[in-house]
Amino acid sequence: MRKFRLTLLFAAMGMLLLAPPGGAVVEETVERRSDTHKWSGLGGFQFLKIGQGARPVAMGEAYMAVADDINAIFWNPAGLTDVRGTAWTATYTKWLVDSNIFSGAVVWNTGTARGGVLGLGVVAFQPEDFEETTIFQPNGTGQSVSAGDLGIGVVYALRLTDKFSFGARMSWVHQSLYTWSVNQFTLDVGTRFYTGFRSLRLAMALKNFGPDKRILQATFVMPLTYHVAAAAELFGEKGDPGYLTVAGETLYVSDYDLRAHLGAELWLRNIFALRAGYKFAYEADSFTVGMGLKYDMHADRALTVDVSYSEMKRFSTPIRVTIGGEF
C-alpha cells in the first residue's frame, strides 16, 4: 500500500509539472510571436539557464535523472542524497563574447536517518566591461559600463524512502547593469525515483520559480523550466569496472518552446569517463562532448576533474573545467 501511494504521489507531481506554467504571463500590450511560438526576449535572469558543471553539460544537460553527485545542487537537488560525506566543486566557464562564469558549491550529509543533505551553491556571471555610447556620441563617451549577475542558493535534500528522494533550493539572485540593478528570490524543487525495473530512475524538477518582475515600464517573466527525465545503465551497473549510462529528458521553458536533451556517459574502471550529448530545439546549441578523471585517494576521499566542449552555431565554443572532491 505504501508503494502504491508513493507511485500515485509521483504521478500527481508529474501532472503538475507537465501543466502549463501559470507564472509565464506578460502584459497584454506584448504580442506573442505566433510564427515561432516563443516568448523570446521577455525572460529575465537568463544566466540561470546556463548549465553549471562540466559533467552534466557534456551529457547534453540530460542530467536530471542521473544527478548522483554534488553537481545535482545546480540541476536536481534530490540527487544530493547520494553524497555520503562532505563534497565540494568549482567550475570555470569561458562563455560567449569574452564573458566568464564562475560557480561553486559545498554540501554536507548530516547523517540523519533520512540522509538529509545541506548545501550552498554560488553562480557568478561576469561579462567584459564595455564603453558607453549614445546617439550623439556613437563612438563612445569614455565612460566604462559594468554588468554582472550573481546567484546564491541554499539547498536541503532528503531520502523519503529507499527509492524516492526530494530536494529544494531557495536562491537569491541579483542582476546589475551600470547604475541599474534588480533582485529576486527563486525556488527549485526536484524529485528522483528508482522504479525497481533494472536501474531505471525517473526525475521531475521545477527550476527558477518566482514572480514576474517589473522594471521601469517593462515586465519580464522568470526563466521557469519544467523537467521530466529518465536514466538507466544500458550495460553494467554503477560501480562496475565498466558501465554505460544513457539519459533523456524533456523540458518546458517559460520563454521558449518545448526542448529535449539526450546524453550518455561511459565509465572505465571508475577512473576515466567519456561523455556526449545532444540538445534539440535550440537555435544555437547542438552537440556536446567531454571527459572526466576520478582519483580515489583513500576510503571516502576522491578528487575529480571534468572538461566539456559545447558546439554553438555563430558563437565561440564554450569550454568548462570543473574540479571537485569528497571527504
C-alpha atoms as a PDB file:
ATOM      1  CA  MET A   1       0.000   0.000   0.000  1.00  0.00           C
ATOM      2  CA  ARG A   2       2.839   2.393   0.850  1.00  0.00           C
ATOM      3  CA  LYS A   3       4.481   1.755  -2.508  1.00  0.00           C
ATOM      4  CA  PHE A   4       1.138   2.301  -4.264  1.00  0.00           C
ATOM      5  CA  ARG A   5       0.627   5.642  -2.515  1.00  0.00           C
ATOM      6  CA  LEU A   6       4.145   6.718  -3.409  1.00  0.00           C
ATOM      7  CA  THR A   7       3.506   5.895  -7.058  1.00  0.00           C
ATOM      8  CA  LEU A   8       0.287   7.967  -7.004  1.00  0.00           C
ATOM      9  CA  LEU A   9       2.149  10.873  -5.392  1.00  0.00           C
ATOM     10  CA  PHE A  10       4.886  10.730  -8.017  1.00  0.00           C
ATOM     11  CA  ALA A  11       2.326  10.587 -10.840  1.00  0.00           C
ATOM     12  CA  ALA A  12       0.453  13.573  -9.403  1.00  0.00           C
ATOM     13  CA  MET A  13       3.648  15.606  -9.235  1.00  0.00           C
ATOM     14  CA  GLY A  14       4.297  14.695 -12.833  1.00  0.00           C
ATOM     15  CA  MET A  15       0.896  16.007 -13.881  1.00  0.00           C
ATOM     16  CA  LEU A  16       1.593  19.269 -12.089  1.00  0.00           C
ATOM     17  CA  LEU A  17       4.976  19.634 -13.715  1.00  0.00           C
ATOM     18  CA  LEU A  18       3.573  18.969 -17.168  1.00  0.00           C
ATOM     19  CA  ALA A  19       0.832  21.583 -16.754  1.00  0.00           C
ATOM     20  CA  PRO A  20       1.401  24.941 -18.499  1.00  0.00           C
ATOM     21  CA  PRO A  21       3.157  27.397 -16.180  1.00  0.00           C
ATOM     22  CA  GLY A  22       0.868  29.997 -14.675  1.00  0.00           C
ATOM     23  CA  GLY A  23       3.713  32.409 -13.964  1.00  0.00           C
ATOM     24  CA  ALA A  24       4.610  32.952 -17.611  1.00  0.00           C
ATOM     25  CA  VAL A  25       2.298  35.936 -18.060  1.00  0.00           C
ATOM     26  CA  VAL A  26       3.223  39.153 -19.801  1.00  0.00           C
ATOM     27  CA  GLU A  27       1.385  42.400 -20.349  1.00  0.00           C
ATOM     28  CA  GLU A  28      -1.451  42.487 -22.890  1.00  0.00           C
ATOM     29  CA  THR A  29       0.486  45.056 -24.883  1.00  0.00           C
ATOM     30  CA  VAL A  30       3.015  42.390 -25.848  1.00  0.00           C
ATOM     31  CA  GLU A  31       2.006  40.178 -28.762  1.00  0.00           C
ATOM     32  CA  ARG A  32       3.071  36.562 -28.829  1.00  0.00           C
ATOM     33  CA  ARG A  33       5.019  35.592 -31.913  1.00  0.00           C
ATOM     34  CA  SER A  34       2.617  33.096 -33.481  1.00  0.00           C
ATOM     35  CA  ASP A  35       5.102  32.041 -36.151  1.00  0.00           C
ATOM     36  CA  THR A  36       7.590  30.512 -33.741  1.00  0.00           C
ATOM     37  CA  HIS A  37       5.514  30.188 -30.542  1.00  0.00           C
ATOM     38  CA  LYS A  38       8.239  31.787 -28.477  1.00  0.00           C
ATOM     39  CA  TRP A  39       8.284  34.440 -25.797  1.00  0.00           C
ATOM     40  CA  SER A  40      11.813  35.320 -26.872  1.00  0.00           C
ATOM     41  CA  GLY A  41      13.205  38.443 -25.279  1.00  0.00           C
ATOM     42  CA  LEU A  42      10.659  38.500 -22.470  1.00  0.00           C
ATOM     43  CA  GLY A  43      12.607  36.403 -19.981  1.00  0.00           C
ATOM     44  CA  GLY A  44      14.881  37.850 -17.322  1.00  0.00           C
ATOM     45  CA  PHE A  45      17.818  36.471 -15.322  1.00  0.00           C
ATOM     46  CA  GLN A  46      18.904  34.464 -18.350  1.00  0.00           C
ATOM     47  CA  PHE A  47      22.159  33.432 -16.671  1.00  0.00           C
ATOM     48  CA  LEU A  48      20.089  30.994 -14.579  1.00  0.00           C
ATOM     49  CA  LYS A  49      19.549  28.901 -17.729  1.00  0.00           C
ATOM     50  CA  ILE A  50      23.280  28.407 -18.338  1.00  0.00           C
ATOM     51  CA  GLY A  51      24.334  24.893 -17.336  1.00  0.00           C
ATOM     52  CA  GLN A  52      26.823  24.550 -14.491  1.00  0.00           C
ATOM     53  CA  GLY A  53      29.326  21.726 -14.127  1.00  0.00           C
ATOM     54  CA  ALA A  54      31.335  20.130 -16.954  1.00  0.00           C
ATOM     55  CA  ARG A  55      29.915  16.647 -16.340  1.00  0.00           C
ATOM     56  CA  PRO A  56      26.190  17.499 -16.765  1.00  0.00           C
ATOM     57  CA  VAL A  57      26.863  19.798 -19.711  1.00  0.00           C
ATOM     58  CA  ALA A  58      28.989  17.175 -21.500  1.00  0.00           C
ATOM     59  CA  MET A  59      25.978  14.833 -21.323  1.00  0.00           C
ATOM     60  CA  GLY A  60      23.878  17.307 -23.288  1.00  0.00           C
ATOM     61  CA  GLU A  61      22.423  18.546 -19.990  1.00  0.00           C
ATOM     62  CA  ALA A  62      20.382  15.314 -19.778  1.00  0.00           C
ATOM     63  CA  TYR A  63      21.315  15.117 -16.124  1.00  0.00           C
ATOM     64  CA  MET A  64      18.124  15.454 -14.063  1.00  0.00           C
ATOM     65  CA  ALA A  65      17.620  11.708 -13.599  1.00  0.00           C
ATOM     66  CA  VAL A  66      21.367  10.945 -13.417  1.00  0.00           C
ATOM     67  CA  ALA A  67      22.079  13.504 -10.660  1.00  0.00           C
ATOM     68  CA  ASP A  68      24.151  11.479  -8.205  1.00  0.00           C
ATOM     69  CA  ASP A  69      26.918  13.853  -7.121  1.00  0.00           C
ATOM     70  CA  ILE A  70      27.405  17.431  -5.968  1.00  0.00           C
ATOM     71  CA  ASN A  71      26.532  18.763  -9.440  1.00  0.00           C
ATOM     72  CA  ALA A  72      22.929  17.966  -8.525  1.00  0.00           C
ATOM     73  CA  ILE A  73      22.814  21.186  -6.499  1.00  0.00           C
ATOM     74  CA  PHE A  74      22.522  23.131  -9.766  1.00  0.00           C
ATOM     75  CA  TRP A  75      20.196  20.664 -11.523  1.00  0.00           C
ATOM     76  CA  ASN A  76      18.083  18.390  -9.351  1.00  0.00           C
ATOM     77  CA  PRO A  77      18.655  18.849  -5.597  1.00  0.00           C
ATOM     78  CA  ALA A  78      17.051  15.452  -4.875  1.00  0.00           C
ATOM     79  CA  GLY A  79      20.205  13.788  -6.215  1.00  0.00           C
ATOM     80  CA  LEU A  80      22.303  15.194  -3.376  1.00  0.00           C
ATOM     81  CA  THR A  81      21.141  12.296  -1.173  1.00  0.00           C
ATOM     82  CA  ASP A  82      23.828  10.197  -2.908  1.00  0.00           C
ATOM     83  CA  VAL A  83      26.543  12.343  -1.305  1.00  0.00           C
ATOM     84  CA  ARG A  84      27.779  10.338   1.686  1.00  0.00           C
ATOM     85  CA  GLY A  85      30.016  12.801   3.477  1.00  0.00           C
ATOM     86  CA  THR A  86      31.130  16.308   2.504  1.00  0.00           C
ATOM     87  CA  ALA A  87      31.660  17.312  -1.124  1.00  0.00           C
ATOM     88  CA  TRP A  88      32.759  20.439  -2.955  1.00  0.00           C
ATOM     89  CA  THR A  89      33.029  21.618  -6.541  1.00  0.00           C
ATOM     90  CA  ALA A  90      34.229  24.628  -8.541  1.00  0.00           C
ATOM     91  CA  THR A  91      33.633  25.362 -12.230  1.00  0.00           C
ATOM     92  CA  TYR A  92      35.061  27.910 -14.639  1.00  0.00           C
ATOM     93  CA  THR A  93      33.251  28.534 -17.920  1.00  0.00           C
ATOM     94  CA  LYS A  94      34.649  30.586 -20.777  1.00  0.00           C
ATOM     95  CA  TRP A  95      31.329  31.855 -22.072  1.00  0.00           C
ATOM     96  CA  LEU A  96      30.232  33.900 -25.084  1.00  0.00           C
ATOM     97  CA  VAL A  97      31.665  37.259 -26.169  1.00  0.00           C
ATOM     98  CA  ASP A  98      34.606  37.169 -23.748  1.00  0.00           C
ATOM     99  CA  SER A  99      32.370  36.717 -20.709  1.00  0.00           C
ATOM    100  CA  ASN A 100      33.127  34.341 -17.840  1.00  0.00           C
ATOM    101  CA  ILE A 101      31.081  32.274 -15.408  1.00  0.00           C
ATOM    102  CA  PHE A 102      32.274  31.006 -12.053  1.00  0.00           C
ATOM    103  CA  SER A 103      30.306  28.599  -9.906  1.00  0.00           C
ATOM    104  CA  GLY A 104      30.988  26.620  -6.776  1.00  0.00           C
ATOM    105  CA  ALA A 105      29.220  24.587  -4.138  1.00  0.00           C
ATOM    106  CA  VAL A 106      29.713  22.657  -0.943  1.00  0.00           C
ATOM    107  CA  VAL A 107      27.309  20.093   0.546  1.00  0.00           C
ATOM    108  CA  TRP A 108      27.254  18.099   3.770  1.00  0.00           C
ATOM    109  CA  ASN A 109      25.390  14.914   4.598  1.00  0.00           C
ATOM    110  CA  THR A 110      24.017  15.417   8.113  1.00  0.00           C
ATOM    111  CA  GLY A 111      23.934  11.685   8.792  1.00  0.00           C
ATOM    112  CA  THR A 112      20.270  11.674   9.806  1.00  0.00           C
ATOM    113  CA  ALA A 113      18.038   8.628   9.343  1.00  0.00           C
ATOM    114  CA  ARG A 114      16.653  10.019   6.075  1.00  0.00           C
ATOM    115  CA  GLY A 115      20.066  11.046   4.779  1.00  0.00           C
ATOM    116  CA  GLY A 116      19.398  14.779   4.964  1.00  0.00           C
ATOM    117  CA  VAL A 117      21.892  16.873   2.993  1.00  0.00           C
ATOM    118  CA  LEU A 118      22.556  20.607   3.378  1.00  0.00           C
ATOM    119  CA  GLY A 119      24.282  22.635   0.692  1.00  0.00           C
ATOM    120  CA  LEU A 120      25.313  26.060  -0.521  1.00  0.00           C
ATOM    121  CA  GLY A 121      25.818  26.996  -4.173  1.00  0.00           C
ATOM    122  CA  VAL A 122      27.023  30.178  -5.886  1.00  0.00           C
ATOM    123  CA  VAL A 123      26.963  31.256  -9.548  1.00  0.00           C
ATOM    124  CA  ALA A 124      28.553  34.474 -10.840  1.00  0.00           C
ATOM    125  CA  PHE A 125      28.312  35.722 -14.421  1.00  0.00           C
ATOM    126  CA  GLN A 126      30.774  38.425 -15.441  1.00  0.00           C
ATOM    127  CA  PRO A 127      30.680  39.957 -18.948  1.00  0.00           C
ATOM    128  CA  GLU A 128      33.512  42.126 -20.168  1.00  0.00           C
ATOM    129  CA  ASP A 129      33.208  45.849 -19.427  1.00  0.00           C
ATOM    130  CA  PHE A 130      32.310  47.975 -22.441  1.00  0.00           C
ATOM    131  CA  GLU A 131      32.299  51.658 -23.352  1.00  0.00           C
ATOM    132  CA  GLU A 132      29.071  53.658 -23.190  1.00  0.00           C
ATOM    133  CA  THR A 133      27.723  55.018 -26.490  1.00  0.00           C
ATOM    134  CA  THR A 134      24.869  57.441 -27.143  1.00  0.00           C
ATOM    135  CA  ILE A 135      23.020  58.798 -30.155  1.00  0.00           C
ATOM    136  CA  PHE A 136      25.186  61.926 -30.101  1.00  0.00           C
ATOM    137  CA  GLN A 137      28.405  60.047 -29.251  1.00  0.00           C
ATOM    138  CA  PRO A 138      28.186  56.780 -31.225  1.00  0.00           C
ATOM    139  CA  ASN A 139      31.945  56.262 -30.959  1.00  0.00           C
ATOM    140  CA  GLY A 140      31.862  56.257 -27.185  1.00  0.00           C
ATOM    141  CA  THR A 141      31.638  58.660 -24.287  1.00  0.00           C
ATOM    142  CA  GLY A 142      34.737  57.426 -22.492  1.00  0.00           C
ATOM    143  CA  GLN A 143      32.576  56.035 -19.686  1.00  0.00           C
ATOM    144  CA  SER A 144      33.077  52.353 -18.882  1.00  0.00           C
ATOM    145  CA  VAL A 145      29.937  50.298 -18.224  1.00  0.00           C
ATOM    146  CA  SER A 146      29.977  47.259 -15.944  1.00  0.00           C
ATOM    147  CA  ALA A 147      27.400  44.492 -15.647  1.00  0.00           C
ATOM    148  CA  GLY A 148      27.082  41.186 -13.853  1.00  0.00           C
ATOM    149  CA  ASP A 149      24.823  38.571 -12.311  1.00  0.00           C
ATOM    150  CA  LEU A 150      25.019  36.668  -9.041  1.00  0.00           C
ATOM    151  CA  GLY A 151      23.030  33.804  -7.574  1.00  0.00           C
ATOM    152  CA  ILE A 152      23.400  32.314  -4.079  1.00  0.00           C
ATOM    153  CA  GLY A 153      21.307  29.310  -3.096  1.00  0.00           C
ATOM    154  CA  VAL A 154      20.731  27.158  -0.025  1.00  0.00           C
ATOM    155  CA  VAL A 155      19.553  23.583  -0.571  1.00  0.00           C
ATOM    156  CA  TYR A 156      18.188  20.725   1.505  1.00  0.00           C
ATOM    157  CA  ALA A 157      17.578  17.189   0.261  1.00  0.00           C
ATOM    158  CA  LEU A 158      16.333  14.064   1.963  1.00  0.00           C
ATOM    159  CA  ARG A 159      15.546  10.461   1.150  1.00  0.00           C
ATOM    160  CA  LEU A 160      11.859   9.800   1.865  1.00  0.00           C
ATOM    161  CA  THR A 161      12.180   6.074   1.102  1.00  0.00           C
ATOM    162  CA  ASP A 162      14.946   3.827  -0.170  1.00  0.00           C
ATOM    163  CA  LYS A 163      13.822   4.678  -3.733  1.00  0.00           C
ATOM    164  CA  PHE A 164      12.389   8.182  -3.552  1.00  0.00           C
ATOM    165  CA  SER A 165      14.312  11.408  -2.857  1.00  0.00           C
ATOM    166  CA  PHE A 166      13.208  15.025  -2.681  1.00  0.00           C
ATOM    167  CA  GLY A 167      15.180  18.259  -2.622  1.00  0.00           C
ATOM    168  CA  ALA A 168      14.531  22.002  -2.621  1.00  0.00           C
ATOM    169  CA  ARG A 169      16.705  25.044  -3.173  1.00  0.00           C
ATOM    170  CA  MET A 170      15.980  28.677  -2.309  1.00  0.00           C
ATOM    171  CA  SER A 171      18.136  31.234  -4.124  1.00  0.00           C
ATOM    172  CA  TRP A 172      18.710  34.959  -4.061  1.00  0.00           C
ATOM    173  CA  VAL A 173      19.611  36.309  -7.498  1.00  0.00           C
ATOM    174  CA  HIS A 174      20.980  39.713  -8.404  1.00  0.00           C
ATOM    175  CA  GLN A 175      21.412  41.366 -11.794  1.00  0.00           C
ATOM    176  CA  SER A 176      23.138  44.672 -12.430  1.00  0.00           C
ATOM    177  CA  LEU A 177      23.841  46.889 -15.431  1.00  0.00           C
ATOM    178  CA  TYR A 178      25.715  50.121 -14.794  1.00  0.00           C
ATOM    179  CA  THR A 179      23.620  52.027 -12.211  1.00  0.00           C
ATOM    180  CA  TRP A 180      20.556  49.767 -12.528  1.00  0.00           C
ATOM    181  CA  SER A 181      20.032  46.542 -10.563  1.00  0.00           C
ATOM    182  CA  VAL A 182      17.284  44.108  -9.625  1.00  0.00           C
ATOM    183  CA  ASN A 183      16.967  41.354  -7.007  1.00  0.00           C
ATOM    184  CA  GLN A 184      14.749  38.303  -6.847  1.00  0.00           C
ATOM    185  CA  PHE A 185      14.151  35.090  -4.880  1.00  0.00           C
ATOM    186  CA  THR A 186      13.664  31.813  -6.739  1.00  0.00           C
ATOM    187  CA  LEU A 187      12.724  28.279  -5.764  1.00  0.00           C
ATOM    188  CA  ASP A 188      13.877  24.974  -7.263  1.00  0.00           C
ATOM    189  CA  VAL A 189      12.317  21.629  -6.320  1.00  0.00           C
ATOM    190  CA  GLY A 190      13.235  18.194  -7.596  1.00  0.00           C
ATOM    191  CA  THR A 191      12.410  14.512  -7.177  1.00  0.00           C
ATOM    192  CA  ARG A 192      14.120  11.276  -8.167  1.00  0.00           C
ATOM    193  CA  PHE A 193      12.516   7.838  -8.103  1.00  0.00           C
ATOM    194  CA  TYR A 194      14.127   4.416  -8.621  1.00  0.00           C
ATOM    195  CA  THR A 195      11.422   2.353 -10.303  1.00  0.00           C
ATOM    196  CA  GLY A 196      12.802  -1.064  -9.349  1.00  0.00           C
ATOM    197  CA  PHE A 197      12.983  -2.078 -13.015  1.00  0.00           C
ATOM    198  CA  ARG A 198      16.682  -2.708 -13.528  1.00  0.00           C
ATOM    199  CA  SER A 199      18.411   0.636 -12.890  1.00  0.00           C
ATOM    200  CA  LEU A 200      15.695   2.835 -14.382  1.00  0.00           C
ATOM    201  CA  ARG A 201      15.073   6.023 -12.443  1.00  0.00           C
ATOM    202  CA  LEU A 202      12.727   8.897 -13.164  1.00  0.00           C
ATOM    203  CA  ALA A 203      13.097  12.519 -12.171  1.00  0.00           C
ATOM    204  CA  MET A 204      10.993  15.647 -12.243  1.00  0.00           C
ATOM    205  CA  ALA A 205      12.086  19.164 -11.409  1.00  0.00           C
ATOM    206  CA  LEU A 206      10.815  22.721 -11.349  1.00  0.00           C
ATOM    207  CA  LYS A 207      13.519  25.374 -11.604  1.00  0.00           C
ATOM    208  CA  ASN A 208      13.648  29.159 -11.247  1.00  0.00           C
ATOM    209  CA  PHE A 209      10.132  29.552  -9.885  1.00  0.00           C
ATOM    210  CA  GLY A 210       9.380  33.119  -8.857  1.00  0.00           C
ATOM    211  CA  PRO A 211       7.072  36.062  -9.559  1.00  0.00           C
ATOM    212  CA  ASP A 212       7.390  38.053 -12.748  1.00  0.00           C
ATOM    213  CA  LYS A 213       9.428  41.217 -12.362  1.00  0.00           C
ATOM    214  CA  ARG A 214       8.510  44.748 -13.417  1.00  0.00           C
ATOM    215  CA  ILE A 215      11.400  47.124 -14.139  1.00  0.00           C
ATOM    216  CA  LEU A 216      10.599  50.693 -15.174  1.00  0.00           C
ATOM    217  CA  GLN A 217       7.911  50.262 -17.870  1.00  0.00           C
ATOM    218  CA  ALA A 218       8.719  46.658 -18.767  1.00  0.00           C
ATOM    219  CA  THR A 219       7.686  43.311 -17.296  1.00  0.00           C
ATOM    220  CA  PHE A 220       9.695  40.148 -17.811  1.00  0.00           C
ATOM    221  CA  VAL A 221       8.976  36.546 -16.868  1.00  0.00           C
ATOM    222  CA  MET A 222      11.289  34.334 -14.854  1.00  0.00           C
ATOM    223  CA  PRO A 223      13.134  31.610 -16.831  1.00  0.00           C
ATOM    224  CA  LEU A 224      10.886  28.935 -15.339  1.00  0.00           C
ATOM    225  CA  THR A 225      11.562  25.370 -16.544  1.00  0.00           C
ATOM    226  CA  TYR A 226       9.785  22.044 -16.020  1.00  0.00           C
ATOM    227  CA  HIS A 227      11.854  18.893 -16.464  1.00  0.00           C
ATOM    228  CA  VAL A 228      10.711  15.284 -16.856  1.00  0.00           C
ATOM    229  CA  ALA A 229      13.622  12.872 -17.190  1.00  0.00           C
ATOM    230  CA  ALA A 230      14.702   9.224 -17.188  1.00  0.00           C
ATOM    231  CA  ALA A 231      18.066   7.453 -16.962  1.00  0.00           C
ATOM    232  CA  ALA A 232      19.367   3.896 -16.801  1.00  0.00           C
ATOM    233  CA  GLU A 233      22.513   1.830 -17.335  1.00  0.00           C
ATOM    234  CA  LEU A 234      22.491   0.345 -20.830  1.00  0.00           C
ATOM    235  CA  PHE A 235      25.081  -2.196 -19.784  1.00  0.00           C
ATOM    236  CA  GLY A 236      26.817  -2.864 -16.494  1.00  0.00           C
ATOM    237  CA  GLU A 237      25.865  -1.310 -13.187  1.00  0.00           C
ATOM    238  CA  LYS A 238      27.143   1.719 -11.318  1.00  0.00           C
ATOM    239  CA  GLY A 239      30.417   0.776  -9.653  1.00  0.00           C
ATOM    240  CA  ASP A 240      31.316  -1.956 -12.154  1.00  0.00           C
ATOM    241  CA  PRO A 241      34.719  -1.763 -13.899  1.00  0.00           C
ATOM    242  CA  GLY A 242      32.835  -0.530 -16.953  1.00  0.00           C
ATOM    243  CA  TYR A 243      29.271   0.711 -17.436  1.00  0.00           C
ATOM    244  CA  LEU A 244      27.294   2.946 -19.772  1.00  0.00           C
ATOM    245  CA  THR A 245      24.562   5.318 -18.587  1.00  0.00           C
ATOM    246  CA  VAL A 246      22.029   6.790 -21.022  1.00  0.00           C
ATOM    247  CA  ALA A 247      19.635   9.604 -20.167  1.00  0.00           C
ATOM    248  CA  GLY A 248      16.929  11.707 -21.763  1.00  0.00           C
ATOM    249  CA  GLU A 249      14.583  14.465 -20.730  1.00  0.00           C
ATOM    250  CA  THR A 250      12.065  16.978 -21.975  1.00  0.00           C
ATOM    251  CA  LEU A 251      11.722  20.458 -20.586  1.00  0.00           C
ATOM    252  CA  TYR A 252       9.254  23.268 -20.970  1.00  0.00           C
ATOM    253  CA  VAL A 253      10.784  26.734 -20.772  1.00  0.00           C
ATOM    254  CA  SER A 254       8.516  29.686 -19.984  1.00  0.00           C
ATOM    255  CA  ASP A 255      10.150  31.935 -22.573  1.00  0.00           C
ATOM    256  CA  TYR A 256      10.691  29.353 -25.307  1.00  0.00           C
ATOM    257  CA  ASP A 257       9.314  26.161 -26.839  1.00  0.00           C
ATOM    258  CA  LEU A 258       9.443  22.570 -25.619  1.00  0.00           C
ATOM    259  CA  ARG A 259      13.002  21.241 -25.708  1.00  0.00           C
ATOM    260  CA  ALA A 260      14.725  17.875 -25.300  1.00  0.00           C
ATOM    261  CA  HIS A 261      18.120  16.602 -24.137  1.00  0.00           C
ATOM    262  CA  LEU A 262      19.844  13.267 -24.766  1.00  0.00           C
ATOM    263  CA  GLY A 263      23.118  12.161 -23.223  1.00  0.00           C
ATOM    264  CA  ALA A 264      25.388   9.245 -22.363  1.00  0.00           C
ATOM    265  CA  GLU A 265      28.302   8.563 -20.034  1.00  0.00           C
ATOM    266  CA  LEU A 266      30.777   5.689 -20.226  1.00  0.00           C
ATOM    267  CA  TRP A 267      32.899   4.884 -17.170  1.00  0.00           C
ATOM    268  CA  LEU A 268      36.030   2.746 -17.430  1.00  0.00           C
ATOM    269  CA  ARG A 269      37.388   1.215 -14.218  1.00  0.00           C
ATOM    270  CA  ASN A 270      35.721   4.047 -12.266  1.00  0.00           C
ATOM    271  CA  ILE A 271      38.661   6.242 -13.205  1.00  0.00           C
ATOM    272  CA  PHE A 272      38.039   7.610 -16.693  1.00  0.00           C
ATOM    273  CA  ALA A 273      34.741   8.786 -18.203  1.00  0.00           C
ATOM    274  CA  LEU A 274      33.686   9.703 -21.732  1.00  0.00           C
ATOM    275  CA  ARG A 275      30.522  11.756 -22.246  1.00  0.00           C
ATOM    276  CA  ALA A 276      28.433  13.026 -25.149  1.00  0.00           C
ATOM    277  CA  GLY A 277      25.016  14.539 -25.702  1.00  0.00           C
ATOM    278  CA  TYR A 278      22.711  16.465 -27.977  1.00  0.00           C
ATOM    279  CA  LYS A 279      20.234  19.289 -27.354  1.00  0.00           C
ATOM    280  CA  PHE A 280      17.106  19.558 -29.510  1.00  0.00           C
ATOM    281  CA  ALA A 281      15.053  22.667 -30.412  1.00  0.00           C
ATOM    282  CA  TYR A 282      17.871  25.124 -29.703  1.00  0.00           C
ATOM    283  CA  GLU A 283      18.791  27.856 -32.150  1.00  0.00           C
ATOM    284  CA  ALA A 284      22.474  27.891 -31.225  1.00  0.00           C
ATOM    285  CA  ASP A 285      23.307  24.804 -29.123  1.00  0.00           C
ATOM    286  CA  SER A 286      23.744  21.353 -30.628  1.00  0.00           C
ATOM    287  CA  PHE A 287      26.103  18.563 -29.552  1.00  0.00           C
ATOM    288  CA  THR A 288      28.343  18.337 -26.503  1.00  0.00           C
ATOM    289  CA  VAL A 289      31.286  16.119 -25.567  1.00  0.00           C
ATOM    290  CA  GLY A 290      33.554  15.800 -22.568  1.00  0.00           C
ATOM    291  CA  MET A 291      35.595  13.590 -20.319  1.00  0.00           C
ATOM    292  CA  GLY A 292      36.404  13.151 -16.676  1.00  0.00           C
ATOM    293  CA  LEU A 293      39.017  11.704 -14.349  1.00  0.00           C
ATOM    294  CA  LYS A 294      38.415  10.414 -10.849  1.00  0.00           C
ATOM    295  CA  TYR A 295      41.184   9.681  -8.381  1.00  0.00           C
ATOM    296  CA  ASP A 296      40.315   7.796  -5.200  1.00  0.00           C
ATOM    297  CA  MET A 297      42.861   8.862  -2.632  1.00  0.00           C
ATOM    298  CA  HIS A 298      41.648   6.511   0.092  1.00  0.00           C
ATOM    299  CA  ALA A 299      38.454   5.394   1.831  1.00  0.00           C
ATOM    300  CA  ASP A 300      35.789   8.059   1.202  1.00  0.00           C
ATOM    301  CA  ARG A 301      38.103  10.663  -0.290  1.00  0.00           C
ATOM    302  CA  ALA A 302      38.203  11.349  -4.016  1.00  0.00           C
ATOM    303  CA  LEU A 303      39.268  14.061  -6.453  1.00  0.00           C
ATOM    304  CA  THR A 304      37.592  14.661  -9.823  1.00  0.00           C
ATOM    305  CA  VAL A 305      38.469  16.753 -12.866  1.00  0.00           C
ATOM    306  CA  ASP A 306      35.949  17.206 -15.704  1.00  0.00           C
ATOM    307  CA  VAL A 307      36.070  19.086 -19.009  1.00  0.00           C
ATOM    308  CA  SER A 308      33.285  19.758 -21.517  1.00  0.00           C
ATOM    309  CA  TYR A 309      33.024  21.190 -25.032  1.00  0.00           C
ATOM    310  CA  SER A 310      29.760  22.651 -26.350  1.00  0.00           C
ATOM    311  CA  GLU A 311      29.248  23.294 -30.044  1.00  0.00           C
ATOM    312  CA  MET A 312      27.360  26.543 -30.660  1.00  0.00           C
ATOM    313  CA  LYS A 313      26.424  27.989 -34.005  1.00  0.00           C
ATOM    314  CA  ARG A 314      27.621  31.514 -34.779  1.00  0.00           C
ATOM    315  CA  PHE A 315      29.405  31.806 -31.413  1.00  0.00           C
ATOM    316  CA  SER A 316      32.755  30.861 -29.940  1.00  0.00           C
ATOM    317  CA  THR A 317      32.776  27.441 -28.301  1.00  0.00           C
ATOM    318  CA  PRO A 318      32.144  27.484 -24.537  1.00  0.00           C
ATOM    319  CA  ILE A 319      34.674  25.439 -22.537  1.00  0.00           C
ATOM    320  CA  ARG A 320      34.013  24.311 -18.971  1.00  0.00           C
ATOM    321  CA  VAL A 321      36.519  22.978 -16.466  1.00  0.00           C
ATOM    322  CA  THR A 322      35.338  21.546 -13.147  1.00  0.00           C
ATOM    323  CA  ILE A 323      37.266  20.264 -10.169  1.00  0.00           C
ATOM    324  CA  GLY A 324      35.700  18.663  -7.128  1.00  0.00           C
ATOM    325  CA  GLY A 325      36.192  16.277  -4.294  1.00  0.00           C
ATOM    326  CA  GLU A 326      34.663  14.307  -1.441  1.00  0.00           C
ATOM    327  CA  PHE A 327      35.900  13.757   2.095  1.00  0.00           C
END
